[in-house]
Structures are given as structure tokens and as C-alpha cells.
Amino acid sequence: MDNRFKLTRLVRTLSSEIYLIWEADKRVGQVDLHYAGETIHATILFESDLTVTDEEELLAQIDDDIVSSYMPRFEREDFVAHVFRGEEISRYTDCSGAIDE
């Protein structure tokens, strides 16, 4: 079965990752994952409305594709996800040049 959502990693450190969430060619959100020992914490920001069923499908995909590859369900203590709805209003950077470059 093909996954409905595409997860594109932006950042990876020893204890965290950030992914953009896409549905077809539309960005629908971002997930920040933090690996804290045997507990994995996620902050999910949706930029569009998803049904509860869609959210559950996406959480299962994040667990299957990313979290379980870091630490399988039977080894971890918990996977905690906090879900928010919002929009990106701006982006700031220390890099020289225009933000859009």
C-alpha cells in the first residue's frame, strides 16, 4: 500500500529530526521529533484541516516509517505526539541575502 503522505526530512541531529509533511504537491504540515531515551516526543503542526482519521493515518505512518526505525514499539517506553494547527507567517535566518533565496 502506498502512503498518502510524503515525509521529507529537513534536519537530523543525534537526538531529533524535522520533517515536512506533503499530500501530493501541497505542504500540509511539519513534524519535529525528539528522541529522549526510551520516549519519543513529536510536535506536529498542521497547516490545513485534516480529519481525525487523516491524523491517525499520518501518526501511524510517522511511527512506522520514522519512529520505529529509531526505536521499535517493543523497546520504547512511549511515543507522545502533540498536534497543533497553524500557519507559517514568516521565516528568519542569519544567512546573508534575501529570505526567499
C-alpha atoms as a PDB file:
ATOM      1  CA  MET A   1       0.000   0.000   0.000  1.00  0.00           C
ATOM      2  CA  ASP A   2       1.301   3.444  -0.934  1.00  0.00           C
ATOM      3  CA  ASN A   3       1.431   6.085   1.755  1.00  0.00           C
ATOM      4  CA  ARG A   4      -0.848   9.047   1.167  1.00  0.00           C
ATOM      5  CA  PHE A   5       1.565  11.460   2.838  1.00  0.00           C
ATOM      6  CA  LYS A   6       5.179  12.110   1.900  1.00  0.00           C
ATOM      7  CA  LEU A   7       7.653  12.961   4.654  1.00  0.00           C
ATOM      8  CA  THR A   8      10.711  14.995   3.634  1.00  0.00           C
ATOM      9  CA  ARG A   9      13.475  15.316   6.216  1.00  0.00           C
ATOM     10  CA  LEU A  10      14.889  18.821   6.711  1.00  0.00           C
ATOM     11  CA  VAL A  11      17.167  18.303   9.718  1.00  0.00           C
ATOM     12  CA  ARG A  12      18.645  15.379  11.601  1.00  0.00           C
ATOM     13  CA  THR A  13      20.722  15.514  14.775  1.00  0.00           C
ATOM     14  CA  LEU A  14      21.725  12.811  17.227  1.00  0.00           C
ATOM     15  CA  SER A  15      18.517  13.360  19.207  1.00  0.00           C
ATOM     16  CA  SER A  16      15.997  14.987  16.863  1.00  0.00           C
ATOM     17  CA  GLU A  17      14.615  15.255  13.345  1.00  0.00           C
ATOM     18  CA  ILE A  18      12.374  17.666  11.450  1.00  0.00           C
ATOM     19  CA  TYR A  19      10.192  16.595   8.522  1.00  0.00           C
ATOM     20  CA  LEU A  20       7.864  18.451   6.185  1.00  0.00           C
ATOM     21  CA  ILE A  21       4.567  16.690   5.544  1.00  0.00           C
ATOM     22  CA  TRP A  22       3.211  16.684   1.977  1.00  0.00           C
ATOM     23  CA  GLU A  23      -0.045  15.467   0.478  1.00  0.00           C
ATOM     24  CA  ALA A  24       0.552  15.313  -3.282  1.00  0.00           C
ATOM     25  CA  ASP A  25       2.246  18.667  -4.064  1.00  0.00           C
ATOM     26  CA  LYS A  26       0.703  20.546  -1.128  1.00  0.00           C
ATOM     27  CA  ARG A  27       2.597  21.077   2.128  1.00  0.00           C
ATOM     28  CA  VAL A  28       0.185  20.177   4.934  1.00  0.00           C
ATOM     29  CA  GLY A  29       2.475  20.427   7.937  1.00  0.00           C
ATOM     30  CA  GLN A  30       5.679  19.707   9.800  1.00  0.00           C
ATOM     31  CA  VAL A  31       6.707  17.189  12.431  1.00  0.00           C
ATOM     32  CA  ASP A  32       9.518  17.730  14.928  1.00  0.00           C
ATOM     33  CA  LEU A  33      10.724  14.536  16.616  1.00  0.00           C
ATOM     34  CA  HIS A  34      12.830  14.439  19.761  1.00  0.00           C
ATOM     35  CA  TYR A  35      14.432  11.222  20.973  1.00  0.00           C
ATOM     36  CA  ALA A  36      14.716  11.284  24.758  1.00  0.00           C
ATOM     37  CA  GLY A  37      15.929   7.894  25.873  1.00  0.00           C
ATOM     38  CA  GLU A  38      13.119   5.394  25.623  1.00  0.00           C
ATOM     39  CA  THR A  39      10.451   8.047  24.973  1.00  0.00           C
ATOM     40  CA  ILE A  40       9.970   9.781  21.633  1.00  0.00           C
ATOM     41  CA  HIS A  41       8.236  13.168  21.591  1.00  0.00           C
ATOM     42  CA  ALA A  42       6.599  14.652  18.497  1.00  0.00           C
ATOM     43  CA  THR A  43       5.235  18.093  17.808  1.00  0.00           C
ATOM     44  CA  ILE A  44       3.051  18.103  14.711  1.00  0.00           C
ATOM     45  CA  LEU A  45       1.947  21.370  13.122  1.00  0.00           C
ATOM     46  CA  PHE A  46      -0.830  21.116  10.533  1.00  0.00           C
ATOM     47  CA  GLU A  47      -1.215  23.923   8.014  1.00  0.00           C
ATOM     48  CA  SER A  48      -4.536  22.610   6.715  1.00  0.00           C
ATOM     49  CA  ASP A  49      -7.527  20.885   8.234  1.00  0.00           C
ATOM     50  CA  LEU A  50      -7.304  17.110   8.445  1.00  0.00           C
ATOM     51  CA  THR A  51      -9.942  14.761   9.750  1.00  0.00           C
ATOM     52  CA  VAL A  52      -9.264  12.704  12.850  1.00  0.00           C
ATOM     53  CA  THR A  53      -8.966   9.660  10.569  1.00  0.00           C
ATOM     54  CA  ASP A  54      -6.365  11.503   8.441  1.00  0.00           C
ATOM     55  CA  GLU A  55      -4.417  12.470  11.586  1.00  0.00           C
ATOM     56  CA  GLU A  56      -4.436   8.875  12.819  1.00  0.00           C
ATOM     57  CA  GLU A  57      -3.261   7.652   9.396  1.00  0.00           C
ATOM     58  CA  LEU A  58      -0.422  10.173   9.415  1.00  0.00           C
ATOM     59  CA  LEU A  59       0.600   9.349  13.001  1.00  0.00           C
ATOM     60  CA  ALA A  60       0.714   5.658  12.092  1.00  0.00           C
ATOM     61  CA  GLN A  61       2.874   6.466   9.065  1.00  0.00           C
ATOM     62  CA  ILE A  62       5.253   8.607  11.153  1.00  0.00           C
ATOM     63  CA  ASP A  63       5.503   5.781  13.679  1.00  0.00           C
ATOM     64  CA  ASP A  64       6.035   3.089  11.034  1.00  0.00           C
ATOM     65  CA  ASP A  65       8.400   4.999   8.724  1.00  0.00           C
ATOM     66  CA  ILE A  66      10.466   7.063  11.167  1.00  0.00           C
ATOM     67  CA  VAL A  67       9.979   6.434  14.876  1.00  0.00           C
ATOM     68  CA  SER A  68      10.032   2.617  14.744  1.00  0.00           C
ATOM     69  CA  SER A  69      13.212   2.690  12.674  1.00  0.00           C
ATOM     70  CA  TYR A  70      14.840   4.611  15.533  1.00  0.00           C
ATOM     71  CA  MET A  71      13.317   2.513  18.313  1.00  0.00           C
ATOM     72  CA  PRO A  72      10.758  -0.282  17.753  1.00  0.00           C
ATOM     73  CA  ARG A  73       7.491  -0.214  19.705  1.00  0.00           C
ATOM     74  CA  PHE A  74       8.502  -3.146  21.900  1.00  0.00           C
ATOM     75  CA  GLU A  75      11.715  -1.380  23.012  1.00  0.00           C
ATOM     76  CA  ARG A  76      10.419   2.107  23.733  1.00  0.00           C
ATOM     77  CA  GLU A  77       8.540   3.357  26.740  1.00  0.00           C
ATOM     78  CA  ASP A  78       6.250   5.790  24.889  1.00  0.00           C
ATOM     79  CA  PHE A  79       5.609   7.814  21.739  1.00  0.00           C
ATOM     80  CA  VAL A  80       3.958  11.115  22.699  1.00  0.00           C
ATOM     81  CA  ALA A  81       2.584  13.420  19.979  1.00  0.00           C
ATOM     82  CA  HIS A  82       1.218  16.934  20.447  1.00  0.00           C
ATOM     83  CA  VAL A  83      -0.795  18.153  17.460  1.00  0.00           C
ATOM     84  CA  PHE A  84      -1.317  21.833  16.603  1.00  0.00           C
ATOM     85  CA  ARG A  85      -2.996  23.751  13.780  1.00  0.00           C
ATOM     86  CA  GLY A  86      -1.278  26.886  12.464  1.00  0.00           C
ATOM     87  CA  GLU A  87       0.328  28.643   9.561  1.00  0.00           C
ATOM     88  CA  GLU A  88       3.801  29.843   8.709  1.00  0.00           C
ATOM     89  CA  ILE A  89       3.739  33.621   8.629  1.00  0.00           C
ATOM     90  CA  SER A  90       7.437  34.277   8.107  1.00  0.00           C
ATOM     91  CA  ARG A  91      10.910  32.775   8.204  1.00  0.00           C
ATOM     92  CA  TYR A  92      14.045  34.314   9.683  1.00  0.00           C
ATOM     93  CA  THR A  93      17.648  33.422   9.016  1.00  0.00           C
ATOM     94  CA  ASP A  94      21.137  34.702   9.842  1.00  0.00           C
ATOM     95  CA  CYS A  95      22.272  33.987   6.281  1.00  0.00           C
ATOM     96  CA  SER A  96      23.056  36.965   4.108  1.00  0.00           C
ATOM     97  CA  GLY A  97      20.780  37.583   1.147  1.00  0.00           C
ATOM     98  CA  ALA A  98      17.059  37.529   0.682  1.00  0.00           C
ATOM     99  CA  ILE A  99      14.957  35.103   2.707  1.00  0.00           C
ATOM    100  CA  ASP A 100      13.481  33.568  -0.445  1.00  0.00           C
ATOM    101  CA  GLU A 101      16.882  32.539  -1.869  1.00  0.00           C
END
